[in-house]
C-alpha atoms as a PDB file:
ATOM      1  CA  UNK A   1      30.176   7.707  23.946  1.00  0.00           C
ATOM      2  CA  UNK A   2      26.903   9.140  24.600  1.00  0.00           C
ATOM      3  CA  UNK A   3      25.785  11.074  20.896  1.00  0.00           C
ATOM      4  CA  UNK A   4      22.501  12.301  18.784  1.00  0.00           C
ATOM      5  CA  UNK A   5      20.507   8.231  17.772  1.00  0.00           C
ATOM      6  CA  UNK A   6      20.264   7.782  14.523  1.00  0.00           C
ATOM      7  CA  UNK A   7      18.274   9.874  12.508  1.00  0.00           C
ATOM      8  CA  UNK A   8      18.244   9.883   8.640  1.00  0.00           C
ATOM      9  CA  UNK A   9      18.643  13.340   6.922  1.00  0.00           C
ATOM     10  CA  UNK A  10      15.893  12.567   4.159  1.00  0.00           C
ATOM     11  CA  UNK A  11      13.414  12.696   7.800  1.00  0.00           C
ATOM     12  CA  UNK A  12      12.363  16.106   7.420  1.00  0.00           C
ATOM     13  CA  UNK A  13      11.115  15.738   3.295  1.00  0.00           C
ATOM     14  CA  UNK A  14       8.726  12.624   4.342  1.00  0.00           C
ATOM     15  CA  UNK A  15       5.812  14.657   3.937  1.00  0.00           C
ATOM     16  CA  UNK A  16       7.812  15.745   0.562  1.00  0.00           C
ATOM     17  CA  UNK A  17       8.205  11.768  -0.625  1.00  0.00           C
ATOM     18  CA  UNK A  18       5.290  10.446   0.626  1.00  0.00           C
ATOM     19  CA  UNK A  19       3.342  13.302  -2.062  1.00  0.00           C
ATOM     20  CA  UNK A  20       5.894  13.766  -4.648  1.00  0.00           C
ATOM     21  CA  UNK A  21       5.403   9.769  -5.077  1.00  0.00           C
ATOM     22  CA  UNK A  22       1.476  10.256  -5.095  1.00  0.00           C
ATOM     23  CA  UNK A  23       1.982  12.995  -7.849  1.00  0.00           C
ATOM     24  CA  UNK A  24       4.364  10.254  -9.581  1.00  0.00           C
ATOM     25  CA  UNK A  25       7.379  11.839  -9.930  1.00  0.00           C
ATOM     26  CA  UNK A  26      10.394   9.531 -10.769  1.00  0.00           C
ATOM     27  CA  UNK A  27      13.146   9.030  -7.669  1.00  0.00           C
ATOM     28  CA  UNK A  28      15.356  11.140 -10.028  1.00  0.00           C
ATOM     29  CA  UNK A  29      13.671  14.579 -10.404  1.00  0.00           C
ATOM     30  CA  UNK A  30      12.007  13.970  -5.886  1.00  0.00           C
ATOM     31  CA  UNK A  31      16.060  14.101  -5.149  1.00  0.00           C
ATOM     32  CA  UNK A  32      16.772  16.532  -7.434  1.00  0.00           C
ATOM     33  CA  UNK A  33      14.066  18.790  -5.517  1.00  0.00           C
ATOM     34  CA  UNK A  34      15.712  17.725  -2.298  1.00  0.00           C
ATOM     35  CA  UNK A  35      19.676  18.676  -3.478  1.00  0.00           C
ATOM     36  CA  UNK A  36      17.960  22.615  -4.621  1.00  0.00           C
ATOM     37  CA  UNK A  37      17.444  22.279  -0.965  1.00  0.00           C
ATOM     38  CA  UNK A  38      20.501  22.162   0.292  1.00  0.00           C
ATOM     39  CA  UNK A  39      20.559  18.338   1.607  1.00  0.00           C
ATOM     40  CA  UNK A  40      22.764  16.428  -0.613  1.00  0.00           C
ATOM     41  CA  UNK A  41      21.083  12.749  -2.127  1.00  0.00           C
ATOM     42  CA  UNK A  42      20.528  10.508  -5.071  1.00  0.00           C
ATOM     43  CA  UNK A  43      17.765   8.876  -6.220  1.00  0.00           C
ATOM     44  CA  UNK A  44      18.920   5.418  -4.842  1.00  0.00           C
ATOM     45  CA  UNK A  45      18.779   6.833  -1.440  1.00  0.00           C
ATOM     46  CA  UNK A  46      15.337   8.459  -1.667  1.00  0.00           C
ATOM     47  CA  UNK A  47      14.086   5.205  -2.634  1.00  0.00           C
ATOM     48  CA  UNK A  48      15.678   3.592  -0.505  1.00  0.00           C
ATOM     49  CA  UNK A  49      14.614   5.953   2.468  1.00  0.00           C
ATOM     50  CA  UNK A  50      11.341   5.090   1.834  1.00  0.00           C
ATOM     51  CA  UNK A  51      10.606   1.915   1.701  1.00  0.00           C
ATOM     52  CA  UNK A  52      12.312   1.632   5.007  1.00  0.00           C
ATOM     53  CA  UNK A  53       8.935   4.202   5.985  1.00  0.00           C
ATOM     54  CA  UNK A  54       6.195   2.118   4.545  1.00  0.00           C
ATOM     55  CA  UNK A  55       8.150  -0.919   6.048  1.00  0.00           C
ATOM     56  CA  UNK A  56       8.213  -0.008   9.266  1.00  0.00           C
ATOM     57  CA  UNK A  57      12.056  -0.953  10.221  1.00  0.00           C
ATOM     58  CA  UNK A  58      13.331   0.628  12.346  1.00  0.00           C
ATOM     59  CA  UNK A  59      17.922   1.150  12.793  1.00  0.00           C
ATOM     60  CA  UNK A  60      18.661  -2.097  15.328  1.00  0.00           C
ATOM     61  CA  UNK A  61      18.080  -0.877  19.383  1.00  0.00           C
ATOM     62  CA  UNK A  62      15.491   1.577  18.623  1.00  0.00           C
ATOM     63  CA  UNK A  63      12.028   0.854  19.929  1.00  0.00           C
ATOM     64  CA  UNK A  64       8.864   0.453  18.342  1.00  0.00           C
ATOM     65  CA  UNK A  65       6.680   3.546  17.784  1.00  0.00           C
ATOM     66  CA  UNK A  66       3.473   3.775  19.321  1.00  0.00           C
ATOM     67  CA  UNK A  67       0.745   2.032  17.047  1.00  0.00           C
ATOM     68  CA  UNK A  68      -2.899   3.914  16.731  1.00  0.00           C
ATOM     69  CA  UNK A  69      -5.522   1.228  16.436  1.00  0.00           C
ATOM     70  CA  UNK A  70      -7.717   0.888  13.903  1.00  0.00           C
ATOM     71  CA  UNK A  71     -11.883   0.085  14.533  1.00  0.00           C
ATOM     72  CA  UNK A  72     -12.879  -2.561  12.500  1.00  0.00           C
ATOM     73  CA  UNK A  73     -15.612  -1.990  10.488  1.00  0.00           C
ATOM     74  CA  UNK A  74     -18.650  -4.616  11.404  1.00  0.00           C
ATOM     75  CA  UNK A  75     -20.961  -5.037   8.360  1.00  0.00           C
ATOM     76  CA  UNK A  76     -24.613  -4.591   8.389  1.00  0.00           C
ATOM     77  CA  UNK A  77     -24.871  -7.289   5.588  1.00  0.00           C
ATOM     78  CA  UNK A  78     -25.214 -11.567   6.910  1.00  0.00           C
ATOM     79  CA  UNK A  79     -21.713 -12.672   5.852  1.00  0.00           C
ATOM     80  CA  UNK A  80     -23.509 -14.737   3.789  1.00  0.00           C
ATOM     81  CA  UNK A  81     -24.287 -12.221   0.782  1.00  0.00           C
ATOM     82  CA  UNK A  82     -21.082 -10.750   2.124  1.00  0.00           C
ATOM     83  CA  UNK A  83     -18.913 -13.643   0.290  1.00  0.00           C
ATOM     84  CA  UNK A  84     -20.875 -15.425  -1.908  1.00  0.00           C
ATOM     85  CA  UNK A  85     -21.880 -14.628  -5.725  1.00  0.00           C
ATOM     86  CA  UNK A  86     -25.888 -13.625  -6.283  1.00  0.00           C
ATOM     87  CA  UNK A  87     -27.554 -16.951  -7.040  1.00  0.00           C
ATOM     88  CA  UNK A  88     -28.994 -17.409 -10.699  1.00  0.00           C
ATOM     89  CA  UNK A  89     -31.824 -18.989 -11.415  1.00  0.00           C
ATOM     90  CA  UNK A  90     -31.069 -22.875 -13.324  1.00  0.00           C
ATOM     91  CA  UNK A  91     -31.350 -23.367 -16.087  1.00  0.00           C
ATOM     92  CA  UNK A  92     -33.082 -26.935 -17.323  1.00  0.00           C
ATOM     93  CA  UNK A  93     -32.921 -28.175 -20.704  1.00  0.00           C
ATOM     94  CA  UNK A  94     -36.230 -30.886 -21.799  1.00  0.00           C
ATOM     95  CA  UNK A  95     -35.196 -33.843 -23.807  1.00  0.00           C
ATOM     96  CA  UNK A  96     -37.477 -35.220 -26.056  1.00  0.00           C
ATOM     97  CA  UNK A  97     -37.987 -38.561 -28.328  1.00  0.00           C
ATOM     98  CA  UNK A  98     -38.006 -37.072 -31.409  1.00  0.00           C
ATOM     99  CA  UNK A  99     -40.504 -38.157 -33.773  1.00  0.00           C
ATOM    100  CA  UNK A 100     -39.832 -40.308 -36.823  1.00  0.00           C
ATOM    101  CA  UNK A 101     -42.459 -40.540 -39.810  1.00  0.00           C
ATOM    102  CA  UNK A 102     -42.277 -42.941 -42.165  1.00  0.00           C
END
């Protein structure tokens, strides 16, 4: 039986959901706005949908999407300067014998 591949009904709303979460909107508020556009959903479905998209999991049997390699940033500082904190001057204590006066 041939049919269409799996597509979430929330796929068209992905960018809206991400933007709304960046604005710290609640899941319920996001779901309500999506329902206003005519898609039936609830807060739990929206939350799980975004979690799946952020983890990169796909339904079983689907090929992975092409990934773009990001260039590595190479620092001009030597490794020692990047990892180690700046050194502090050493504190030297001088011990002297007490003088007794009878």
